[in-house]
PDB file of N, CA and C in Angstrom:
ATOM      1  N   UNK A   1      63.251  87.665  82.283  1.00  0.00           N
ATOM      2  CA  UNK A   1      64.710  87.683  82.219  1.00  0.00           C
ATOM      3  C   UNK A   1      65.239  89.123  82.213  1.00  0.00           C
ATOM      4  N   UNK A   2      64.517  90.005  81.524  1.00  0.00           N
ATOM      5  CA  UNK A   2      64.951  91.402  81.473  1.00  0.00           C
ATOM      6  C   UNK A   2      64.928  92.037  82.859  1.00  0.00           C
ATOM      7  N   UNK A   3      63.953  91.652  83.690  1.00  0.00           N
ATOM      8  CA  UNK A   3      63.869  92.201  85.039  1.00  0.00           C
ATOM      9  C   UNK A   3      65.051  91.754  85.889  1.00  0.00           C
ATOM     10  N   UNK A   4      65.476  90.515  85.704  1.00  0.00           N
ATOM     11  CA  UNK A   4      66.624  89.997  86.452  1.00  0.00           C
ATOM     12  C   UNK A   4      67.886  90.758  86.066  1.00  0.00           C
ATOM     13  N   UNK A   5      68.109  90.935  84.785  1.00  0.00           N
ATOM     14  CA  UNK A   5      69.287  91.665  84.307  1.00  0.00           C
ATOM     15  C   UNK A   5      69.227  93.107  84.785  1.00  0.00           C
ATOM     16  N   UNK A   6      68.064  93.737  84.695  1.00  0.00           N
ATOM     17  CA  UNK A   6      67.911  95.121  85.144  1.00  0.00           C
ATOM     18  C   UNK A   6      68.173  95.243  86.643  1.00  0.00           C
ATOM     19  N   UNK A   7      67.707  94.257  87.408  1.00  0.00           N
ATOM     20  CA  UNK A   7      67.934  94.262  88.851  1.00  0.00           C
ATOM     21  C   UNK A   7      69.424  94.113  89.169  1.00  0.00           C
ATOM     22  N   UNK A   8      70.096  93.220  88.480  1.00  0.00           N
ATOM     23  CA  UNK A   8      71.536  93.015  88.692  1.00  0.00           C
ATOM     24  C   UNK A   8      72.307  94.273  88.331  1.00  0.00           C
ATOM     25  N   UNK A   9      71.981  94.893  87.219  1.00  0.00           N
ATOM     26  CA  UNK A   9      72.661  96.124  86.806  1.00  0.00           C
ATOM     27  C   UNK A   9      72.399  97.236  87.812  1.00  0.00           C
ATOM     28  N   UNK A  10      71.141  97.400  88.234  1.00  0.00           N
ATOM     29  CA  UNK A  10      70.803  98.436  89.217  1.00  0.00           C
ATOM     30  C   UNK A  10      71.533  98.193  90.531  1.00  0.00           C
ATOM     31  N   UNK A  11      71.599  96.935  90.963  1.00  0.00           N
ATOM     32  CA  UNK A  11      72.301  96.604  92.203  1.00  0.00           C
ATOM     33  C   UNK A  11      73.782  96.901  92.075  1.00  0.00           C
ATOM     34  N   UNK A  12      74.384  96.542  90.960  1.00  0.00           N
ATOM     35  CA  UNK A  12      75.821  96.766  90.785  1.00  0.00           C
ATOM     36  C   UNK A  12      76.152  98.253  90.756  1.00  0.00           C
ATOM     37  N   UNK A  13      75.279  99.053  90.186  1.00  0.00           N
ATOM     38  CA  UNK A  13      75.513 100.503  90.176  1.00  0.00           C
ATOM     39  C   UNK A  13      75.348 101.065  91.586  1.00  0.00           C
ATOM     40  N   UNK A  14      74.362 100.555  92.316  1.00  0.00           N
ATOM     41  CA  UNK A  14      74.109 101.042  93.673  1.00  0.00           C
ATOM     42  C   UNK A  14      75.265 100.759  94.617  1.00  0.00           C
ATOM     43  N   UNK A  15      75.916  99.627  94.448  1.00  0.00           N
ATOM     44  CA  UNK A  15      77.024  99.284  95.346  1.00  0.00           C
ATOM     45  C   UNK A  15      78.380  99.526  94.703  1.00  0.00           C
ATOM     46  N   UNK A  16      78.376 100.168  93.555  1.00  0.00           N
ATOM     47  CA  UNK A  16      79.637 100.364  92.850  1.00  0.00           C
ATOM     48  C   UNK A  16      80.549 101.303  93.604  1.00  0.00           C
ATOM     49  N   UNK A  17      81.778 100.935  93.657  1.00  0.00           N
ATOM     50  CA  UNK A  17      82.814 101.786  94.227  1.00  0.00           C
ATOM     51  C   UNK A  17      82.514 102.245  95.632  1.00  0.00           C
ATOM     52  N   UNK A  18      82.287 101.311  96.542  1.00  0.00           N
ATOM     53  CA  UNK A  18      82.009 101.678  97.930  1.00  0.00           C
ATOM     54  C   UNK A  18      83.071 102.629  98.465  1.00  0.00           C
ATOM     55  N   UNK A  19      84.289 102.482  98.015  1.00  0.00           N
ATOM     56  CA  UNK A  19      85.377 103.344  98.468  1.00  0.00           C
ATOM     57  C   UNK A  19      85.138 104.797  98.086  1.00  0.00           C
ATOM     58  N   UNK A  20      84.377 105.023  97.046  1.00  0.00           N
ATOM     59  CA  UNK A  20      84.087 106.390  96.618  1.00  0.00           C
ATOM     60  C   UNK A  20      83.268 107.122  97.678  1.00  0.00           C
ATOM     61  N   UNK A  21      82.567 106.369  98.539  1.00  0.00           N
ATOM     62  CA  UNK A  21      81.737 106.981  99.570  1.00  0.00           C
ATOM     63  C   UNK A  21      82.410 106.984 100.940  1.00  0.00           C
ATOM     64  N   UNK A  22      83.579 106.384 101.051  1.00  0.00           N
ATOM     65  CA  UNK A  22      84.317 106.346 102.313  1.00  0.00           C
ATOM     66  C   UNK A  22      84.996 107.695 102.538  1.00  0.00           C
ATOM     67  N   UNK A  23      85.267 108.061 103.801  1.00  0.00           N
ATOM     68  CA  UNK A  23      85.951 109.331 104.069  1.00  0.00           C
ATOM     69  C   UNK A  23      87.307 109.384 103.360  1.00  0.00           C
ATOM     70  N   UNK A  24      87.651 110.545 102.862  1.00  0.00           N
ATOM     71  CA  UNK A  24      88.901 110.732 102.116  1.00  0.00           C
ATOM     72  C   UNK A  24      90.097 110.983 103.037  1.00  0.00           C
ATOM     73  N   UNK A  25      89.827 111.305 104.321  1.00  0.00           N
ATOM     74  CA  UNK A  25      90.897 111.623 105.260  1.00  0.00           C
ATOM     75  C   UNK A  25      90.800 110.767 106.515  1.00  0.00           C
ATOM     76  N   UNK A  26      91.917 110.720 107.244  1.00  0.00           N
ATOM     77  CA  UNK A  26      91.990 110.060 108.548  1.00  0.00           C
ATOM     78  C   UNK A  26      92.673 111.015 109.504  1.00  0.00           C
ATOM     79  N   UNK A  27      92.297 110.943 110.771  1.00  0.00           N
ATOM     80  CA  UNK A  27      92.929 111.772 111.790  1.00  0.00           C
ATOM     81  C   UNK A  27      94.248 111.139 112.211  1.00  0.00           C
ATOM     82  N   UNK A  28      95.307 111.930 112.173  1.00  0.00           N
ATOM     83  CA  UNK A  28      96.635 111.485 112.599  1.00  0.00           C
ATOM     84  C   UNK A  28      97.056 112.352 113.778  1.00  0.00           C
ATOM     85  N   UNK A  29      97.463 111.716 114.877  1.00  0.00           N
ATOM     86  CA  UNK A  29      97.970 112.416 116.053  1.00  0.00           C
ATOM     87  C   UNK A  29      99.468 112.150 116.162  1.00  0.00           C
ATOM     88  N   UNK A  30     100.229 113.209 116.364  1.00  0.00           N
ATOM     89  CA  UNK A  30     101.685 113.072 116.512  1.00  0.00           C
ATOM     90  C   UNK A  30     102.130 113.836 117.758  1.00  0.00           C
ATOM     91  N   UNK A  31     103.034 113.214 118.527  1.00  0.00           N
ATOM     92  CA  UNK A  31     103.543 113.809 119.750  1.00  0.00           C
ATOM     93  C   UNK A  31     105.053 113.627 119.801  1.00  0.00           C
ATOM     94  N   UNK A  32     105.767 114.715 120.071  1.00  0.00           N
ATOM     95  CA  UNK A  32     107.222 114.635 120.312  1.00  0.00           C
ATOM     96  C   UNK A  32     107.432 114.362 121.798  1.00  0.00           C
ATOM     97  N   UNK A  33     108.480 113.598 122.136  1.00  0.00           N
ATOM     98  CA  UNK A  33     108.745 113.295 123.545  1.00  0.00           C
ATOM     99  C   UNK A  33     109.128 114.556 124.327  1.00  0.00           C
ATOM    100  N   UNK A  34     109.627 115.557 123.638  1.00  0.00           N
ATOM    101  CA  UNK A  34     109.946 116.841 124.266  1.00  0.00           C
ATOM    102  C   UNK A  34     108.825 117.829 123.929  1.00  0.00           C
ATOM    103  N   UNK A  35     108.058 118.265 124.928  1.00  0.00           N
ATOM    104  CA  UNK A  35     106.871 119.091 124.662  1.00  0.00           C
ATOM    105  C   UNK A  35     107.156 120.400 123.917  1.00  0.00           C
ATOM    106  N   UNK A  36     108.351 120.961 124.092  1.00  0.00           N
ATOM    107  CA  UNK A  36     108.661 122.224 123.431  1.00  0.00           C
ATOM    108  C   UNK A  36     109.432 122.036 122.116  1.00  0.00           C
ATOM    109  N   UNK A  37     109.456 120.825 121.595  1.00  0.00           N
ATOM    110  CA  UNK A  37     110.140 120.544 120.323  1.00  0.00           C
ATOM    111  C   UNK A  37     109.314 121.088 119.158  1.00  0.00           C
ATOM    112  N   UNK A  38     109.997 121.317 118.056  1.00  0.00           N
ATOM    113  CA  UNK A  38     109.323 121.729 116.826  1.00  0.00           C
ATOM    114  C   UNK A  38     108.857 120.477 116.097  1.00  0.00           C
ATOM    115  N   UNK A  39     107.578 120.414 115.802  1.00  0.00           N
ATOM    116  CA  UNK A  39     106.971 119.280 115.124  1.00  0.00           C
ATOM    117  C   UNK A  39     106.570 119.715 113.720  1.00  0.00           C
ATOM    118  N   UNK A  40     106.937 118.906 112.742  1.00  0.00           N
ATOM    119  CA  UNK A  40     106.514 119.167 111.365  1.00  0.00           C
ATOM    120  C   UNK A  40     105.771 117.943 110.851  1.00  0.00           C
ATOM    121  N   UNK A  41     104.581 118.185 110.307  1.00  0.00           N
ATOM    122  CA  UNK A  41     103.802 117.125 109.671  1.00  0.00           C
ATOM    123  C   UNK A  41     103.542 117.567 108.243  1.00  0.00           C
ATOM    124  N   UNK A  42     104.100 116.838 107.300  1.00  0.00           N
ATOM    125  CA  UNK A  42     103.996 117.179 105.877  1.00  0.00           C
ATOM    126  C   UNK A  42     104.376 118.639 105.625  1.00  0.00           C
ATOM    127  N   UNK A  43     105.415 119.104 106.330  1.00  0.00           N
ATOM    128  CA  UNK A  43     105.928 120.456 106.122  1.00  0.00           C
ATOM    129  C   UNK A  43     105.237 121.537 106.929  1.00  0.00           C
ATOM    130  N   UNK A  44     104.134 121.229 107.587  1.00  0.00           N
ATOM    131  CA  UNK A  44     103.423 122.207 108.416  1.00  0.00           C
ATOM    132  C   UNK A  44     104.002 122.174 109.828  1.00  0.00           C
ATOM    133  N   UNK A  45     104.269 123.352 110.399  1.00  0.00           N
ATOM    134  CA  UNK A  45     104.917 123.451 111.706  1.00  0.00           C
ATOM    135  C   UNK A  45     103.895 123.495 112.843  1.00  0.00           C
ATOM    136  N   UNK A  46     104.233 122.774 113.928  1.00  0.00           N
ATOM    137  CA  UNK A  46     103.418 122.731 115.141  1.00  0.00           C
ATOM    138  C   UNK A  46     104.374 122.736 116.329  1.00  0.00           C
ATOM    139  N   UNK A  47     103.847 122.880 117.540  1.00  0.00           N
ATOM    140  CA  UNK A  47     104.670 122.880 118.742  1.00  0.00           C
ATOM    141  C   UNK A  47     104.377 121.652 119.586  1.00  0.00           C
ATOM    142  N   UNK A  48     105.299 120.689 119.621  1.00  0.00           N
ATOM    143  CA  UNK A  48     105.219 119.529 120.515  1.00  0.00           C
ATOM    144  C   UNK A  48     104.249 118.420 120.147  1.00  0.00           C
ATOM    145  N   UNK A  49     103.005 118.777 119.825  1.00  0.00           N
ATOM    146  CA  UNK A  49     102.026 117.759 119.445  1.00  0.00           C
ATOM    147  C   UNK A  49     100.989 118.385 118.522  1.00  0.00           C
ATOM    148  N   UNK A  50     100.353 117.534 117.734  1.00  0.00           N
ATOM    149  CA  UNK A  50      99.330 118.026 116.809  1.00  0.00           C
ATOM    150  C   UNK A  50      98.427 116.882 116.382  1.00  0.00           C
ATOM    151  N   UNK A  51      97.266 117.267 115.923  1.00  0.00           N
ATOM    152  CA  UNK A  51      96.307 116.319 115.367  1.00  0.00           C
ATOM    153  C   UNK A  51      95.822 116.931 114.051  1.00  0.00           C
ATOM    154  N   UNK A  52      95.988 116.185 112.959  1.00  0.00           N
ATOM    155  CA  UNK A  52      95.620 116.698 111.648  1.00  0.00           C
ATOM    156  C   UNK A  52      94.734 115.700 110.904  1.00  0.00           C
ATOM    157  N   UNK A  53      94.106 116.172 109.857  1.00  0.00           N
ATOM    158  CA  UNK A  53      93.376 115.318 108.931  1.00  0.00           C
ATOM    159  C   UNK A  53      94.293 115.100 107.726  1.00  0.00           C
ATOM    160  N   UNK A  54      94.643 113.851 107.461  1.00  0.00           N
ATOM    161  CA  UNK A  54      95.555 113.524 106.357  1.00  0.00           C
ATOM    162  C   UNK A  54      94.830 112.674 105.326  1.00  0.00           C
ATOM    163  N   UNK A  55      95.157 112.873 104.060  1.00  0.00           N
ATOM    164  CA  UNK A  55      94.555 112.069 103.003  1.00  0.00           C
ATOM    165  C   UNK A  55      94.967 110.612 103.188  1.00  0.00           C
ATOM    166  N   UNK A  56      94.013 109.718 103.016  1.00  0.00           N
ATOM    167  CA  UNK A  56      94.238 108.286 103.201  1.00  0.00           C
ATOM    168  C   UNK A  56      95.184 107.687 102.166  1.00  0.00           C
ATOM    169  N   UNK A  57      95.266 108.273 100.997  1.00  0.00           N
ATOM    170  CA  UNK A  57      96.056 107.684  99.909  1.00  0.00           C
ATOM    171  C   UNK A  57      97.408 108.361  99.728  1.00  0.00           C
ATOM    172  N   UNK A  58      97.852 109.136 100.703  1.00  0.00           N
ATOM    173  CA  UNK A  58      99.153 109.806 100.647  1.00  0.00           C
ATOM    174  C   UNK A  58      99.958 109.474 101.903  1.00  0.00           C
ATOM    175  N   UNK A  59     101.266 109.335 101.742  1.00  0.00           N
ATOM    176  CA  UNK A  59     102.133 109.110 102.898  1.00  0.00           C
ATOM    177  C   UNK A  59     102.198 110.379 103.745  1.00  0.00           C
ATOM    178  N   UNK A  60     102.450 110.204 105.039  1.00  0.00           N
ATOM    179  CA  UNK A  60     102.539 111.331 105.972  1.00  0.00           C
ATOM    180  C   UNK A  60     103.954 111.347 106.543  1.00  0.00           C
ATOM    181  N   UNK A  61     104.607 112.500 106.454  1.00  0.00           N
ATOM    182  CA  UNK A  61     105.964 112.662 106.956  1.00  0.00           C
ATOM    183  C   UNK A  61     105.925 113.477 108.252  1.00  0.00           C
ATOM    184  N   UNK A  62     106.527 112.927 109.309  1.00  0.00           N
ATOM    185  CA  UNK A  62     106.520 113.569 110.625  1.00  0.00           C
ATOM    186  C   UNK A  62     107.954 113.713 111.115  1.00  0.00           C
ATOM    187  N   UNK A  63     108.290 114.909 111.656  1.00  0.00           N
ATOM    188  CA  UNK A  63     109.642 115.118 112.175  1.00  0.00           C
ATOM    189  C   UNK A  63     109.598 116.037 113.393  1.00  0.00           C
ATOM    190  N   UNK A  64     110.382 115.675 114.420  1.00  0.00           N
ATOM    191  CA  UNK A  64     110.549 116.484 115.622  1.00  0.00           C
ATOM    192  C   UNK A  64     111.991 116.971 115.685  1.00  0.00           C
ATOM    193  N   UNK A  65     112.176 118.250 115.962  1.00  0.00           N
ATOM    194  CA  UNK A  65     113.527 118.807 116.115  1.00  0.00           C
ATOM    195  C   UNK A  65     113.565 119.725 117.330  1.00  0.00           C
ATOM    196  N   UNK A  66     114.741 119.751 117.965  1.00  0.00           N
ATOM    197  CA  UNK A  66     114.981 120.636 119.104  1.00  0.00           C
ATOM    198  C   UNK A  66     116.484 120.755 119.289  1.00  0.00           C
ATOM    199  N   UNK A  67     116.933 121.933 119.602  1.00  0.00           N
ATOM    200  CA  UNK A  67     118.356 122.155 119.847  1.00  0.00           C
ATOM    201  C   UNK A  67     118.825 121.267 120.999  1.00  0.00           C
ATOM    202  N   UNK A  68     119.959 120.584 120.782  1.00  0.00           N
ATOM    203  CA  UNK A  68     120.513 119.693 121.796  1.00  0.00           C
ATOM    204  C   UNK A  68     119.985 118.265 121.703  1.00  0.00           C
ATOM    205  N   UNK A  69     119.135 117.989 120.716  1.00  0.00           N
ATOM    206  CA  UNK A  69     118.559 116.660 120.518  1.00  0.00           C
ATOM    207  C   UNK A  69     118.739 116.233 119.058  1.00  0.00           C
ATOM    208  N   UNK A  70     118.868 114.934 118.862  1.00  0.00           N
ATOM    209  CA  UNK A  70     118.876 114.407 117.503  1.00  0.00           C
ATOM    210  C   UNK A  70     117.456 114.522 116.934  1.00  0.00           C
ATOM    211  N   UNK A  71     117.341 114.827 115.646  1.00  0.00           N
ATOM    212  CA  UNK A  71     115.995 114.863 115.048  1.00  0.00           C
ATOM    213  C   UNK A  71     115.360 113.463 115.068  1.00  0.00           C
ATOM    214  N   UNK A  72     114.085 113.409 115.294  1.00  0.00           N
ATOM    215  CA  UNK A  72     113.331 112.151 115.240  1.00  0.00           C
ATOM    216  C   UNK A  72     112.340 112.278 114.085  1.00  0.00           C
ATOM    217  N   UNK A  73     112.287 111.252 113.261  1.00  0.00           N
ATOM    218  CA  UNK A  73     111.368 111.336 112.127  1.00  0.00           C
ATOM    219  C   UNK A  73     110.727 109.985 111.832  1.00  0.00           C
ATOM    220  N   UNK A  74     109.580 110.061 111.184  1.00  0.00           N
ATOM    221  CA  UNK A  74     108.836 108.857 110.836  1.00  0.00           C
ATOM    222  C   UNK A  74     107.976 109.180 109.617  1.00  0.00           C
ATOM    223  N   UNK A  75     107.833 108.194 108.748  1.00  0.00           N
ATOM    224  CA  UNK A  75     106.939 108.310 107.605  1.00  0.00           C
ATOM    225  C   UNK A  75     105.861 107.252 107.745  1.00  0.00           C
ATOM    226  N   UNK A  76     104.621 107.676 107.654  1.00  0.00           N
ATOM    227  CA  UNK A  76     103.491 106.742 107.716  1.00  0.00           C
ATOM    228  C   UNK A  76     103.059 106.475 106.284  1.00  0.00           C
ATOM    229  N   UNK A  77     103.038 105.219 105.919  1.00  0.00           N
ATOM    230  CA  UNK A  77     102.639 104.832 104.574  1.00  0.00           C
ATOM    231  C   UNK A  77     101.152 104.491 104.571  1.00  0.00           C
ATOM    232  N   UNK A  78     100.636 104.114 103.445  1.00  0.00           N
ATOM    233  CA  UNK A  78      99.227 103.749 103.324  1.00  0.00           C
ATOM    234  C   UNK A  78      99.112 102.391 102.642  1.00  0.00           C
ATOM    235  N   UNK A  79      98.002 101.710 102.903  1.00  0.00           N
ATOM    236  CA  UNK A  79      97.758 100.402 102.291  1.00  0.00           C
ATOM    237  C   UNK A  79      96.275 100.278 101.969  1.00  0.00           C
ATOM    238  N   UNK A  80      95.945  99.296 101.200  1.00  0.00           N
ATOM    239  CA  UNK A  80      94.573  99.084 100.751  1.00  0.00           C
ATOM    240  C   UNK A  80      93.659  98.790 101.941  1.00  0.00           C
ATOM    241  N   UNK A  81      92.532  99.469 102.012  1.00  0.00           N
ATOM    242  CA  UNK A  81      91.584  99.281 103.117  1.00  0.00           C
ATOM    243  C   UNK A  81      90.650  98.105 102.827  1.00  0.00           C
ATOM    244  N   UNK A  82      89.867  97.733 103.823  1.00  0.00           N
ATOM    245  CA  UNK A  82      88.883  96.672 103.649  1.00  0.00           C
ATOM    246  C   UNK A  82      87.858  97.034 102.582  1.00  0.00           C
ATOM    247  N   UNK A  83      87.504  98.304 102.519  1.00  0.00           N
ATOM    248  CA  UNK A  83      86.567  98.761 101.488  1.00  0.00           C
ATOM    249  C   UNK A  83      87.192  98.625 100.106  1.00  0.00           C
ATOM    250  N   UNK A  84      88.479  98.922 100.007  1.00  0.00           N
ATOM    251  CA  UNK A  84      89.186  98.759  98.733  1.00  0.00           C
ATOM    252  C   UNK A  84      89.222  97.306  98.300  1.00  0.00           C
ATOM    253  N   UNK A  85      89.440  96.416  99.249  1.00  0.00           N
ATOM    254  CA  UNK A  85      89.445  94.980  98.942  1.00  0.00           C
ATOM    255  C   UNK A  85      88.058  94.558  98.456  1.00  0.00           C
ATOM    256  N   UNK A  86      87.010  95.071  99.119  1.00  0.00           N
ATOM    257  CA  UNK A  86      85.642  94.754  98.688  1.00  0.00           C
ATOM    258  C   UNK A  86      85.392  95.246  97.269  1.00  0.00           C
ATOM    259  N   UNK A  87      85.950  96.408  96.930  1.00  0.00           N
ATOM    260  CA  UNK A  87      85.807  96.922  95.568  1.00  0.00           C
ATOM    261  C   UNK A  87      86.500  96.008  94.561  1.00  0.00           C
ATOM    262  N   UNK A  88      87.666  95.490  94.929  1.00  0.00           N
ATOM    263  CA  UNK A  88      88.377  94.570  94.026  1.00  0.00           C
ATOM    264  C   UNK A  88      87.537  93.314  93.793  1.00  0.00           C
ATOM    265  N   UNK A  89      87.017  92.758  94.871  1.00  0.00           N
ATOM    266  CA  UNK A  89      86.193  91.554  94.739  1.00  0.00           C
ATOM    267  C   UNK A  89      84.934  91.853  93.925  1.00  0.00           C
ATOM    268  N   UNK A  90      84.294  92.988  94.207  1.00  0.00           N
ATOM    269  CA  UNK A  90      83.095  93.364  93.470  1.00  0.00           C
ATOM    270  C   UNK A  90      83.350  93.589  91.995  1.00  0.00           C
ATOM    271  N   UNK A  91      84.567  94.035  91.651  1.00  0.00           N
ATOM    272  CA  UNK A  91      84.914  94.278  90.253  1.00  0.00           C
ATOM    273  C   UNK A  91      84.880  92.984  89.444  1.00  0.00           C
ATOM    274  N   UNK A  92      85.210  91.873  90.076  1.00  0.00           N
ATOM    275  CA  UNK A  92      85.177  90.590  89.365  1.00  0.00           C
ATOM    276  C   UNK A  92      83.752  90.205  88.960  1.00  0.00           C
ATOM    277  N   UNK A  93      82.767  90.710  89.706  1.00  0.00           N
ATOM    278  CA  UNK A  93      81.381  90.359  89.423  1.00  0.00           C
ATOM    279  C   UNK A  93      80.637  91.412  88.607  1.00  0.00           C
ATOM    280  N   UNK A  94      80.898  92.705  88.881  1.00  0.00           N
ATOM    281  CA  UNK A  94      80.080  93.754  88.278  1.00  0.00           C
ATOM    282  C   UNK A  94      80.839  94.831  87.513  1.00  0.00           C
ATOM    283  N   UNK A  95      82.136  94.927  87.611  1.00  0.00           N
ATOM    284  CA  UNK A  95      82.984  95.920  86.958  1.00  0.00           C
ATOM    285  C   UNK A  95      82.907  97.300  87.591  1.00  0.00           C
ATOM    286  N   UNK A  96      81.719  97.799  87.926  1.00  0.00           N
ATOM    287  CA  UNK A  96      81.581  99.164  88.431  1.00  0.00           C
ATOM    288  C   UNK A  96      82.339  99.450  89.729  1.00  0.00           C
ATOM    289  N   UNK A  97      82.426  98.519  90.687  1.00  0.00           N
ATOM    290  CA  UNK A  97      83.135  98.852  91.927  1.00  0.00           C
ATOM    291  C   UNK A  97      84.597  99.242  91.719  1.00  0.00           C
ATOM    292  N   UNK A  98      85.171  98.887  90.599  1.00  0.00           N
ATOM    293  CA  UNK A  98      86.563  99.253  90.316  1.00  0.00           C
ATOM    294  C   UNK A  98      86.788 100.740  90.341  1.00  0.00           C
ATOM    295  N   UNK A  99      85.743 101.509  90.115  1.00  0.00           N
ATOM    296  CA  UNK A  99      85.851 102.974  90.140  1.00  0.00           C
ATOM    297  C   UNK A  99      86.319 103.447  91.513  1.00  0.00           C
ATOM    298  N   UNK A 100      85.845 102.801  92.566  1.00  0.00           N
ATOM    299  CA  UNK A 100      86.205 103.184  93.927  1.00  0.00           C
ATOM    300  C   UNK A 100      87.684 103.053  94.231  1.00  0.00           C
ATOM    301  N   UNK A 101      88.383 102.205  93.489  1.00  0.00           N
ATOM    302  CA  UNK A 101      89.818 102.008  93.733  1.00  0.00           C
ATOM    303  C   UNK A 101      90.639 103.235  93.367  1.00  0.00           C
ATOM    304  N   UNK A 102      90.052 104.151  92.612  1.00  0.00           N
ATOM    305  CA  UNK A 102      90.762 105.365  92.218  1.00  0.00           C
ATOM    306  C   UNK A 102      90.510 106.518  93.178  1.00  0.00           C
ATOM    307  N   UNK A 103      89.842 106.245  94.290  1.00  0.00           N
ATOM    308  CA  UNK A 103      89.557 107.285  95.276  1.00  0.00           C
ATOM    309  C   UNK A 103      90.378 107.050  96.543  1.00  0.00           C
ATOM    310  N   UNK A 104      90.501 108.097  97.356  1.00  0.00           N
ATOM    311  CA  UNK A 104      91.271 107.997  98.602  1.00  0.00           C
ATOM    312  C   UNK A 104      90.621 107.048  99.602  1.00  0.00           C
ATOM    313  N   UNK A 105      89.302 106.848  99.495  1.00  0.00           N
ATOM    314  CA  UNK A 105      88.594 105.984 100.433  1.00  0.00           C
ATOM    315  C   UNK A 105      88.987 104.524 100.342  1.00  0.00           C
ATOM    316  N   UNK A 106      89.686 104.138  99.292  1.00  0.00           N
ATOM    317  CA  UNK A 106      90.116 102.741  99.135  1.00  0.00           C
ATOM    318  C   UNK A 106      91.369 102.447  99.949  1.00  0.00           C
ATOM    319  N   UNK A 107      91.907 103.438 100.622  1.00  0.00           N
ATOM    320  CA  UNK A 107      93.173 103.284 101.336  1.00  0.00           C
ATOM    321  C   UNK A 107      93.010 103.634 102.807  1.00  0.00           C
ATOM    322  N   UNK A 108      93.925 103.140 103.619  1.00  0.00           N
ATOM    323  CA  UNK A 108      94.026 103.478 105.037  1.00  0.00           C
ATOM    324  C   UNK A 108      95.474 103.808 105.344  1.00  0.00           C
ATOM    325  N   UNK A 109      95.682 104.774 106.241  1.00  0.00           N
ATOM    326  CA  UNK A 109      97.038 105.022 106.721  1.00  0.00           C
ATOM    327  C   UNK A 109      97.427 103.878 107.639  1.00  0.00           C
ATOM    328  N   UNK A 110      98.684 103.461 107.579  1.00  0.00           N
ATOM    329  CA  UNK A 110      99.142 102.315 108.355  1.00  0.00           C
ATOM    330  C   UNK A 110      99.186 102.589 109.856  1.00  0.00           C
ATOM    331  N   UNK A 111      99.260 103.862 110.236  1.00  0.00           N
ATOM    332  CA  UNK A 111      99.356 104.226 111.645  1.00  0.00           C
ATOM    333  C   UNK A 111      98.710 105.595 111.821  1.00  0.00           C
ATOM    334  N   UNK A 112      97.998 105.808 112.927  1.00  0.00           N
ATOM    335  CA  UNK A 112      97.366 107.109 113.133  1.00  0.00           C
ATOM    336  C   UNK A 112      97.773 107.776 114.449  1.00  0.00           C
ATOM    337  N   UNK A 113      98.407 107.054 115.353  1.00  0.00           N
ATOM    338  CA  UNK A 113      98.910 107.633 116.604  1.00  0.00           C
ATOM    339  C   UNK A 113     100.415 107.428 116.658  1.00  0.00           C
ATOM    340  N   UNK A 114     101.155 108.532 116.598  1.00  0.00           N
ATOM    341  CA  UNK A 114     102.612 108.452 116.522  1.00  0.00           C
ATOM    342  C   UNK A 114     103.229 109.196 117.701  1.00  0.00           C
ATOM    343  N   UNK A 115     104.131 108.531 118.406  1.00  0.00           N
ATOM    344  CA  UNK A 115     104.922 109.138 119.476  1.00  0.00           C
ATOM    345  C   UNK A 115     106.382 109.044 119.054  1.00  0.00           C
ATOM    346  N   UNK A 116     107.021 110.190 118.892  1.00  0.00           N
ATOM    347  CA  UNK A 116     108.419 110.206 118.468  1.00  0.00           C
ATOM    348  C   UNK A 116     109.317 110.478 119.669  1.00  0.00           C
ATOM    349  N   UNK A 117     110.177 109.526 119.975  1.00  0.00           N
ATOM    350  CA  UNK A 117     111.121 109.664 121.085  1.00  0.00           C
ATOM    351  C   UNK A 117     112.370 110.387 120.589  1.00  0.00           C
ATOM    352  N   UNK A 118     112.739 111.439 121.294  1.00  0.00           N
ATOM    353  CA  UNK A 118     113.927 112.212 120.914  1.00  0.00           C
ATOM    354  C   UNK A 118     115.067 111.867 121.865  1.00  0.00           C
ATOM    355  N   UNK A 119     116.270 111.720 121.298  1.00  0.00           N
ATOM    356  CA  UNK A 119     117.447 111.407 122.108  1.00  0.00           C
ATOM    357  C   UNK A 119     118.324 112.636 122.216  1.00  0.00           C
ATOM    358  N   UNK A 120     118.859 112.845 123.412  1.00  0.00           N
ATOM    359  CA  UNK A 120     119.725 113.998 123.667  1.00  0.00           C
ATOM    360  C   UNK A 120     121.058 113.831 122.916  1.00  0.00           C
ATOM    361  N   UNK A 121     121.525 114.922 122.338  1.00  0.00           N
ATOM    362  CA  UNK A 121     122.824 114.957 121.662  1.00  0.00           C
ATOM    363  C   UNK A 121     123.836 115.432 122.704  1.00  0.00           C
ATOM    364  N   UNK A 122     124.745 114.583 123.099  1.00  0.00           N
ATOM    365  CA  UNK A 122     125.690 114.878 124.187  1.00  0.00           C
ATOM    366  C   UNK A 122     126.840 115.781 123.770  1.00  0.00           C
ATOM    367  N   UNK A 123     126.875 116.248 122.552  1.00  0.00           N
ATOM    368  CA  UNK A 123     127.990 117.109 122.108  1.00  0.00           C
ATOM    369  C   UNK A 123     127.862 118.502 122.594  1.00  0.00           C
TER     370      UNK A 123
END
């Protein structure tokens, strides 16, 4: 009986918090419809398009601006990933996987390819 309990405990520790081992970032690509527009991703400035590594558990703010055009902006939110769901289910059986829910790997960004269409300001 002790071997069975030891095996279960060892297994639960081995698979605990799968999200803790998942990548903490995701690649986000953003493109403004106007190639020479100013692009900002989380406050960092780029020209027209960019590809960045963003934390999975944080929202991403994207904005395109250009003289003579209305600003275009979008916020990408995050949601629980499949690995995070597995950690929740595993927590009901072993408790240890719950640790993974406190890491960025338990989340996914809702969108990773963003195209922002800019409209001309006729004024």
